[in-house]
Amino acid sequence: MVSYLFSSHDGFGLGHVRRNAVIAGEILNQDPTAEITLVTGIPSRPDWLNRAGLRVVSVPPLIKGSDGRYRNSAMSLGSALEMRERIFVREVRQTRPDVVVVDRRPFGTAGELQLGLTVARRAGAMIVLGLRDIIDERETVRAEIAGTSWHGVGAMFDELLVYGDPALCDHQAEYGLPLEPTYCGWVVEEPARDASDPSLMVISAGGG
């Protein structure tokens, strides 16, 4: 039995946790005995998160304001980050994951995953960072990677996955990642086969 722990970088939208839920679902399709925990701060609980075998753990949500700063509506940022860190460390110690998959920001919004990832790595877990197909403007991402929030990524993470294709965006050439990425292709679900109008296609673009 393999244990997985997903940490979803989330704010106002659902794209990050949706992607993690799809990956978790495919793992369960391939291995129904897998134990999967998904840590997320989205305040709602969509139906697609209520899947058998997927355990969802809530942390205080952080919403990015128009000034670019993160906030929690019910508590100070410091209190929210402290609680997020405490819950993540607790889940690492309780689930003893074989694999930890972190979405988008390697150490969390403000470093709150650092301690939990260190505990997991010392226990022998594989640590994986997953990135979407296009992160942001080239210079914005390069500045982020050069800053403190990405310090130590090369030493902490075993794999860096890109949910896309280098034909669309070559992450190494554009962003200068500290690890050579593996491109997985886009993470999508199989289309519904009982659609009432098979000629209808709905396309939804994310905020990025």
C-alpha atoms as a PDB file:
ATOM      1  CA  MET A   1       0.000   0.000   0.000  1.00  0.00           C
ATOM      2  CA  VAL A   2       1.391   3.370  -1.064  1.00  0.00           C
ATOM      3  CA  SER A   3       0.545   6.581   0.791  1.00  0.00           C
ATOM      4  CA  TYR A   4       0.327   9.908  -1.054  1.00  0.00           C
ATOM      5  CA  LEU A   5       0.032  13.389   0.398  1.00  0.00           C
ATOM      6  CA  PHE A   6      -0.998  16.245  -1.913  1.00  0.00           C
ATOM      7  CA  SER A   7      -0.676  19.916  -0.969  1.00  0.00           C
ATOM      8  CA  SER A   8      -2.721  22.206  -3.154  1.00  0.00           C
ATOM      9  CA  HIS A   9      -1.713  25.815  -3.667  1.00  0.00           C
ATOM     10  CA  ASP A  10      -5.078  27.505  -3.656  1.00  0.00           C
ATOM     11  CA  GLY A  11      -6.652  30.899  -3.364  1.00  0.00           C
ATOM     12  CA  PHE A  12      -9.843  32.095  -4.957  1.00  0.00           C
ATOM     13  CA  GLY A  13     -10.051  29.594  -7.805  1.00  0.00           C
ATOM     14  CA  LEU A  14     -10.316  25.822  -7.966  1.00  0.00           C
ATOM     15  CA  GLY A  15      -7.804  24.995 -10.696  1.00  0.00           C
ATOM     16  CA  HIS A  16      -4.964  23.787  -8.488  1.00  0.00           C
ATOM     17  CA  VAL A  17      -7.014  21.513  -6.258  1.00  0.00           C
ATOM     18  CA  ARG A  18      -9.013  20.291  -9.255  1.00  0.00           C
ATOM     19  CA  ARG A  19      -5.818  19.186 -10.967  1.00  0.00           C
ATOM     20  CA  ASN A  20      -4.598  17.418  -7.824  1.00  0.00           C
ATOM     21  CA  ALA A  21      -7.965  15.698  -7.446  1.00  0.00           C
ATOM     22  CA  VAL A  22      -7.792  14.421 -11.036  1.00  0.00           C
ATOM     23  CA  ILE A  23      -4.276  13.056 -10.461  1.00  0.00           C
ATOM     24  CA  ALA A  24      -5.370  11.455  -7.195  1.00  0.00           C
ATOM     25  CA  GLY A  25      -8.357   9.908  -8.944  1.00  0.00           C
ATOM     26  CA  GLU A  26      -6.162   8.338 -11.602  1.00  0.00           C
ATOM     27  CA  ILE A  27      -3.838   6.942  -8.935  1.00  0.00           C
ATOM     28  CA  LEU A  28      -6.853   5.317  -7.274  1.00  0.00           C
ATOM     29  CA  ASN A  29      -7.995   3.936 -10.637  1.00  0.00           C
ATOM     30  CA  GLN A  30      -4.598   2.317 -11.085  1.00  0.00           C
ATOM     31  CA  ASP A  31      -4.179   1.293  -7.439  1.00  0.00           C
ATOM     32  CA  PRO A  32      -7.405   1.136  -5.376  1.00  0.00           C
ATOM     33  CA  THR A  33      -5.355   0.263  -2.276  1.00  0.00           C
ATOM     34  CA  ALA A  34      -3.513   3.596  -2.321  1.00  0.00           C
ATOM     35  CA  GLU A  35      -4.059   5.959   0.597  1.00  0.00           C
ATOM     36  CA  ILE A  36      -4.372   9.568  -0.576  1.00  0.00           C
ATOM     37  CA  THR A  37      -4.702  12.719   1.514  1.00  0.00           C
ATOM     38  CA  LEU A  38      -5.251  16.097  -0.126  1.00  0.00           C
ATOM     39  CA  VAL A  39      -4.576  19.231   1.924  1.00  0.00           C
ATOM     40  CA  THR A  40      -6.367  22.290   0.587  1.00  0.00           C
ATOM     41  CA  GLY A  41      -7.654  25.657   1.681  1.00  0.00           C
ATOM     42  CA  ILE A  42     -10.623  26.027  -0.642  1.00  0.00           C
ATOM     43  CA  PRO A  43     -13.624  26.973   1.516  1.00  0.00           C
ATOM     44  CA  SER A  44     -16.139  25.006  -0.571  1.00  0.00           C
ATOM     45  CA  ARG A  45     -16.380  21.243  -1.069  1.00  0.00           C
ATOM     46  CA  PRO A  46     -17.298  20.499  -4.702  1.00  0.00           C
ATOM     47  CA  ASP A  47     -18.790  17.108  -5.531  1.00  0.00           C
ATOM     48  CA  TRP A  48     -15.653  16.053  -7.380  1.00  0.00           C
ATOM     49  CA  LEU A  49     -13.715  16.151  -4.099  1.00  0.00           C
ATOM     50  CA  ASN A  50     -16.080  13.629  -2.523  1.00  0.00           C
ATOM     51  CA  ARG A  51     -14.472  10.549  -4.005  1.00  0.00           C
ATOM     52  CA  ALA A  52     -14.078   7.266  -2.167  1.00  0.00           C
ATOM     53  CA  GLY A  53     -10.463   6.768  -1.185  1.00  0.00           C
ATOM     54  CA  LEU A  54      -9.623  10.474  -1.240  1.00  0.00           C
ATOM     55  CA  ARG A  55      -9.300  12.045   2.193  1.00  0.00           C
ATOM     56  CA  VAL A  56      -9.533  15.847   2.161  1.00  0.00           C
ATOM     57  CA  VAL A  57      -8.020  17.941   4.955  1.00  0.00           C
ATOM     58  CA  SER A  58      -8.861  21.633   5.227  1.00  0.00           C
ATOM     59  CA  VAL A  59      -6.474  24.432   6.158  1.00  0.00           C
ATOM     60  CA  PRO A  60      -7.269  28.153   6.506  1.00  0.00           C
ATOM     61  CA  PRO A  61      -7.767  29.614   3.003  1.00  0.00           C
ATOM     62  CA  LEU A  62      -5.543  32.396   1.717  1.00  0.00           C
ATOM     63  CA  ILE A  63      -6.931  34.786  -0.875  1.00  0.00           C
ATOM     64  CA  LYS A  64      -4.685  37.086  -2.907  1.00  0.00           C
ATOM     65  CA  GLY A  65      -5.902  40.691  -2.903  1.00  0.00           C
ATOM     66  CA  SER A  66      -5.592  43.271  -5.651  1.00  0.00           C
ATOM     67  CA  ASP A  67      -2.360  44.456  -4.006  1.00  0.00           C
ATOM     68  CA  GLY A  68      -0.827  41.001  -4.465  1.00  0.00           C
ATOM     69  CA  ARG A  69      -0.870  40.177  -0.747  1.00  0.00           C
ATOM     70  CA  TYR A  70      -2.493  37.102   0.746  1.00  0.00           C
ATOM     71  CA  ARG A  71      -5.166  37.378   3.435  1.00  0.00           C
ATOM     72  CA  ASN A  72      -7.509  35.255   5.485  1.00  0.00           C
ATOM     73  CA  SER A  73     -10.916  36.732   6.227  1.00  0.00           C
ATOM     74  CA  ALA A  74     -11.154  35.341   9.766  1.00  0.00           C
ATOM     75  CA  MET A  75      -7.652  35.664  11.202  1.00  0.00           C
ATOM     76  CA  SER A  76      -4.321  37.365  10.721  1.00  0.00           C
ATOM     77  CA  LEU A  77      -2.001  36.154   7.984  1.00  0.00           C
ATOM     78  CA  GLY A  78       0.501  34.998  10.593  1.00  0.00           C
ATOM     79  CA  SER A  79      -2.100  32.930  12.438  1.00  0.00           C
ATOM     80  CA  ALA A  80      -3.363  31.386   9.201  1.00  0.00           C
ATOM     81  CA  LEU A  81       0.154  30.429   8.107  1.00  0.00           C
ATOM     82  CA  GLU A  82       0.960  28.974  11.516  1.00  0.00           C
ATOM     83  CA  MET A  83      -2.170  26.829  11.405  1.00  0.00           C
ATOM     84  CA  ARG A  84      -1.466  25.725   7.843  1.00  0.00           C
ATOM     85  CA  GLU A  85       2.045  24.696   8.865  1.00  0.00           C
ATOM     86  CA  ARG A  86       0.810  22.824  11.948  1.00  0.00           C
ATOM     87  CA  ILE A  87      -1.842  20.895  10.021  1.00  0.00           C
ATOM     88  CA  PHE A  88       0.561  19.951   7.222  1.00  0.00           C
ATOM     89  CA  VAL A  89       3.188  18.683   9.684  1.00  0.00           C
ATOM     90  CA  ARG A  90       0.483  16.700  11.511  1.00  0.00           C
ATOM     91  CA  GLU A  91      -0.621  15.049   8.266  1.00  0.00           C
ATOM     92  CA  VAL A  92       2.968  14.182   7.336  1.00  0.00           C
ATOM     93  CA  ARG A  93       3.498  12.499  10.697  1.00  0.00           C
ATOM     94  CA  GLN A  94       0.153  10.701  10.716  1.00  0.00           C
ATOM     95  CA  THR A  95       0.007   9.495   7.114  1.00  0.00           C
ATOM     96  CA  ARG A  96       3.751   8.761   6.730  1.00  0.00           C
ATOM     97  CA  PRO A  97       3.556   9.412   2.968  1.00  0.00           C
ATOM     98  CA  ASP A  98       5.699   7.585   0.466  1.00  0.00           C
ATOM     99  CA  VAL A  99       5.152  10.461  -1.970  1.00  0.00           C
ATOM    100  CA  VAL A 100       4.418  14.142  -1.305  1.00  0.00           C
ATOM    101  CA  VAL A 101       3.150  16.196  -4.255  1.00  0.00           C
ATOM    102  CA  VAL A 102       3.282  19.976  -3.841  1.00  0.00           C
ATOM    103  CA  ASP A 103       1.400  22.151  -6.286  1.00  0.00           C
ATOM    104  CA  ARG A 104       2.849  25.371  -7.751  1.00  0.00           C
ATOM    105  CA  ARG A 105       4.692  26.998  -4.826  1.00  0.00           C
ATOM    106  CA  PRO A 106       7.424  24.662  -3.564  1.00  0.00           C
ATOM    107  CA  PHE A 107       7.307  25.634   0.113  1.00  0.00           C
ATOM    108  CA  GLY A 108       3.776  27.010   0.267  1.00  0.00           C
ATOM    109  CA  THR A 109       2.483  30.545   0.082  1.00  0.00           C
ATOM    110  CA  ALA A 110       4.969  31.845   2.650  1.00  0.00           C
ATOM    111  CA  GLY A 111       7.163  28.881   3.593  1.00  0.00           C
ATOM    112  CA  GLU A 112       4.560  27.055   5.677  1.00  0.00           C
ATOM    113  CA  LEU A 113       5.365  23.697   4.012  1.00  0.00           C
ATOM    114  CA  GLN A 114       9.088  23.810   4.781  1.00  0.00           C
ATOM    115  CA  LEU A 115       8.963  21.983   8.119  1.00  0.00           C
ATOM    116  CA  GLY A 116       6.541  19.315   6.942  1.00  0.00           C
ATOM    117  CA  LEU A 117       8.560  18.618   3.805  1.00  0.00           C
ATOM    118  CA  THR A 118      11.727  18.320   5.884  1.00  0.00           C
ATOM    119  CA  VAL A 119      10.018  15.796   8.178  1.00  0.00           C
ATOM    120  CA  ALA A 120       8.737  13.825   5.169  1.00  0.00           C
ATOM    121  CA  ARG A 121      12.114  13.797   3.446  1.00  0.00           C
ATOM    122  CA  ARG A 122      13.906  12.592   6.573  1.00  0.00           C
ATOM    123  CA  ALA A 123      11.394   9.756   6.761  1.00  0.00           C
ATOM    124  CA  GLY A 124      12.259   8.715   3.190  1.00  0.00           C
ATOM    125  CA  ALA A 125       9.385  10.196   1.199  1.00  0.00           C
ATOM    126  CA  MET A 126       9.785  11.199  -2.433  1.00  0.00           C
ATOM    127  CA  ILE A 127       9.090  14.933  -2.760  1.00  0.00           C
ATOM    128  CA  VAL A 128       7.553  16.117  -6.046  1.00  0.00           C
ATOM    129  CA  LEU A 129       6.770  19.623  -7.297  1.00  0.00           C
ATOM    130  CA  GLY A 130       4.028  20.003  -9.908  1.00  0.00           C
ATOM    131  CA  LEU A 131       3.766  23.081 -12.139  1.00  0.00           C
ATOM    132  CA  ARG A 132       1.077  24.129 -14.595  1.00  0.00           C
ATOM    133  CA  ASP A 133       1.819  24.557 -18.292  1.00  0.00           C
ATOM    134  CA  ILE A 134       2.344  28.348 -18.115  1.00  0.00           C
ATOM    135  CA  ILE A 135       3.175  29.833 -14.731  1.00  0.00           C
ATOM    136  CA  ASP A 136       3.333  33.571 -15.398  1.00  0.00           C
ATOM    137  CA  GLU A 137       5.285  36.193 -17.313  1.00  0.00           C
ATOM    138  CA  ARG A 138       8.861  35.087 -17.940  1.00  0.00           C
ATOM    139  CA  GLU A 139      10.548  37.814 -15.899  1.00  0.00           C
ATOM    140  CA  THR A 140       8.056  37.467 -13.054  1.00  0.00           C
ATOM    141  CA  VAL A 141       8.796  33.759 -12.683  1.00  0.00           C
ATOM    142  CA  ARG A 142      12.544  34.203 -13.050  1.00  0.00           C
ATOM    143  CA  ALA A 143      12.492  36.811 -10.272  1.00  0.00           C
ATOM    144  CA  GLU A 144      10.451  34.456  -8.072  1.00  0.00           C
ATOM    145  CA  ILE A 145      12.828  31.540  -8.641  1.00  0.00           C
ATOM    146  CA  ALA A 146      15.826  33.748  -7.886  1.00  0.00           C
ATOM    147  CA  GLY A 147      14.226  34.844  -4.602  1.00  0.00           C
ATOM    148  CA  THR A 148      14.054  33.222  -1.186  1.00  0.00           C
ATOM    149  CA  SER A 149      10.793  31.342  -1.813  1.00  0.00           C
ATOM    150  CA  TRP A 150      12.598  28.875  -4.123  1.00  0.00           C
ATOM    151  CA  HIS A 151      15.813  28.621  -2.106  1.00  0.00           C
ATOM    152  CA  GLY A 152      16.660  24.959  -1.517  1.00  0.00           C
ATOM    153  CA  VAL A 153      14.286  23.526  -4.126  1.00  0.00           C
ATOM    154  CA  GLY A 154      17.066  21.558  -5.813  1.00  0.00           C
ATOM    155  CA  ALA A 155      17.999  19.863  -2.544  1.00  0.00           C
ATOM    156  CA  MET A 156      14.464  19.233  -1.274  1.00  0.00           C
ATOM    157  CA  PHE A 157      12.649  17.974  -4.363  1.00  0.00           C
ATOM    158  CA  ASP A 158      13.303  14.709  -6.176  1.00  0.00           C
ATOM    159  CA  GLU A 159      11.132  15.403  -9.215  1.00  0.00           C
ATOM    160  CA  LEU A 160       9.694  18.431 -10.954  1.00  0.00           C
ATOM    161  CA  LEU A 161       6.632  17.720 -13.096  1.00  0.00           C
ATOM    162  CA  VAL A 162       5.110  20.077 -15.643  1.00  0.00           C
ATOM    163  CA  TYR A 163       1.462  19.472 -16.509  1.00  0.00           C
ATOM    164  CA  GLY A 164       1.882  20.555 -20.102  1.00  0.00           C
ATOM    165  CA  ASP A 165       4.149  20.272 -23.134  1.00  0.00           C
ATOM    166  CA  PRO A 166       7.434  22.047 -23.946  1.00  0.00           C
ATOM    167  CA  ALA A 167       6.036  22.837 -27.395  1.00  0.00           C
ATOM    168  CA  LEU A 168       3.738  25.319 -25.668  1.00  0.00           C
ATOM    169  CA  CYS A 169       6.123  26.521 -22.968  1.00  0.00           C
ATOM    170  CA  ASP A 170       9.675  25.282 -22.395  1.00  0.00           C
ATOM    171  CA  HIS A 171       9.983  25.852 -18.647  1.00  0.00           C
ATOM    172  CA  GLN A 172      13.721  25.392 -18.596  1.00  0.00           C
ATOM    173  CA  ALA A 173      14.319  27.923 -21.378  1.00  0.00           C
ATOM    174  CA  GLU A 174      11.697  30.406 -20.188  1.00  0.00           C
ATOM    175  CA  TYR A 175      12.031  30.231 -16.433  1.00  0.00           C
ATOM    176  CA  GLY A 176      15.408  28.638 -15.651  1.00  0.00           C
ATOM    177  CA  LEU A 177      14.137  25.989 -13.246  1.00  0.00           C
ATOM    178  CA  PRO A 178      16.580  24.574 -10.670  1.00  0.00           C
ATOM    179  CA  LEU A 179      15.681  21.009 -11.736  1.00  0.00           C
ATOM    180  CA  GLU A 180      15.197  19.497 -15.172  1.00  0.00           C
ATOM    181  CA  PRO A 181      11.432  19.017 -15.509  1.00  0.00           C
ATOM    182  CA  THR A 182       9.479  16.023 -16.725  1.00  0.00           C
ATOM    183  CA  TYR A 183       6.537  16.946 -18.964  1.00  0.00           C
ATOM    184  CA  CYS A 184       3.409  14.914 -18.206  1.00  0.00           C
ATOM    185  CA  GLY A 185       0.981  16.411 -20.675  1.00  0.00           C
ATOM    186  CA  TRP A 186      -2.198  18.163 -19.618  1.00  0.00           C
ATOM    187  CA  VAL A 187      -4.125  16.780 -16.657  1.00  0.00           C
ATOM    188  CA  VAL A 188      -7.724  16.380 -17.797  1.00  0.00           C
ATOM    189  CA  GLU A 189     -10.571  13.973 -17.186  1.00  0.00           C
ATOM    190  CA  GLU A 190     -12.121  11.784 -19.837  1.00  0.00           C
ATOM    191  CA  PRO A 191     -15.032  13.667 -21.457  1.00  0.00           C
ATOM    192  CA  ALA A 192     -18.507  12.568 -20.476  1.00  0.00           C
ATOM    193  CA  ARG A 193     -19.879  10.000 -22.925  1.00  0.00           C
ATOM    194  CA  ASP A 194     -23.522  10.665 -22.192  1.00  0.00           C
ATOM    195  CA  ALA A 195     -23.578  14.330 -23.204  1.00  0.00           C
ATOM    196  CA  SER A 196     -27.016  15.434 -24.395  1.00  0.00           C
ATOM    197  CA  ASP A 197     -25.431  17.403 -27.243  1.00  0.00           C
ATOM    198  CA  PRO A 198     -22.189  15.745 -28.448  1.00  0.00           C
ATOM    199  CA  SER A 199     -21.504  18.678 -30.801  1.00  0.00           C
ATOM    200  CA  LEU A 200     -21.220  21.121 -27.867  1.00  0.00           C
ATOM    201  CA  MET A 201     -17.794  21.959 -26.503  1.00  0.00           C
ATOM    202  CA  VAL A 202     -17.240  24.171 -23.444  1.00  0.00           C
ATOM    203  CA  ILE A 203     -13.867  25.846 -22.981  1.00  0.00           C
ATOM    204  CA  SER A 204     -13.017  27.621 -19.736  1.00  0.00           C
ATOM    205  CA  ALA A 205      -9.858  29.699 -19.433  1.00  0.00           C
ATOM    206  CA  GLY A 206      -8.138  30.120 -16.086  1.00  0.00           C
ATOM    207  CA  GLY A 207      -7.157  33.397 -14.509  1.00  0.00           C
ATOM    208  CA  GLY A 208      -3.556  33.061 -15.691  1.00  0.00           C
END
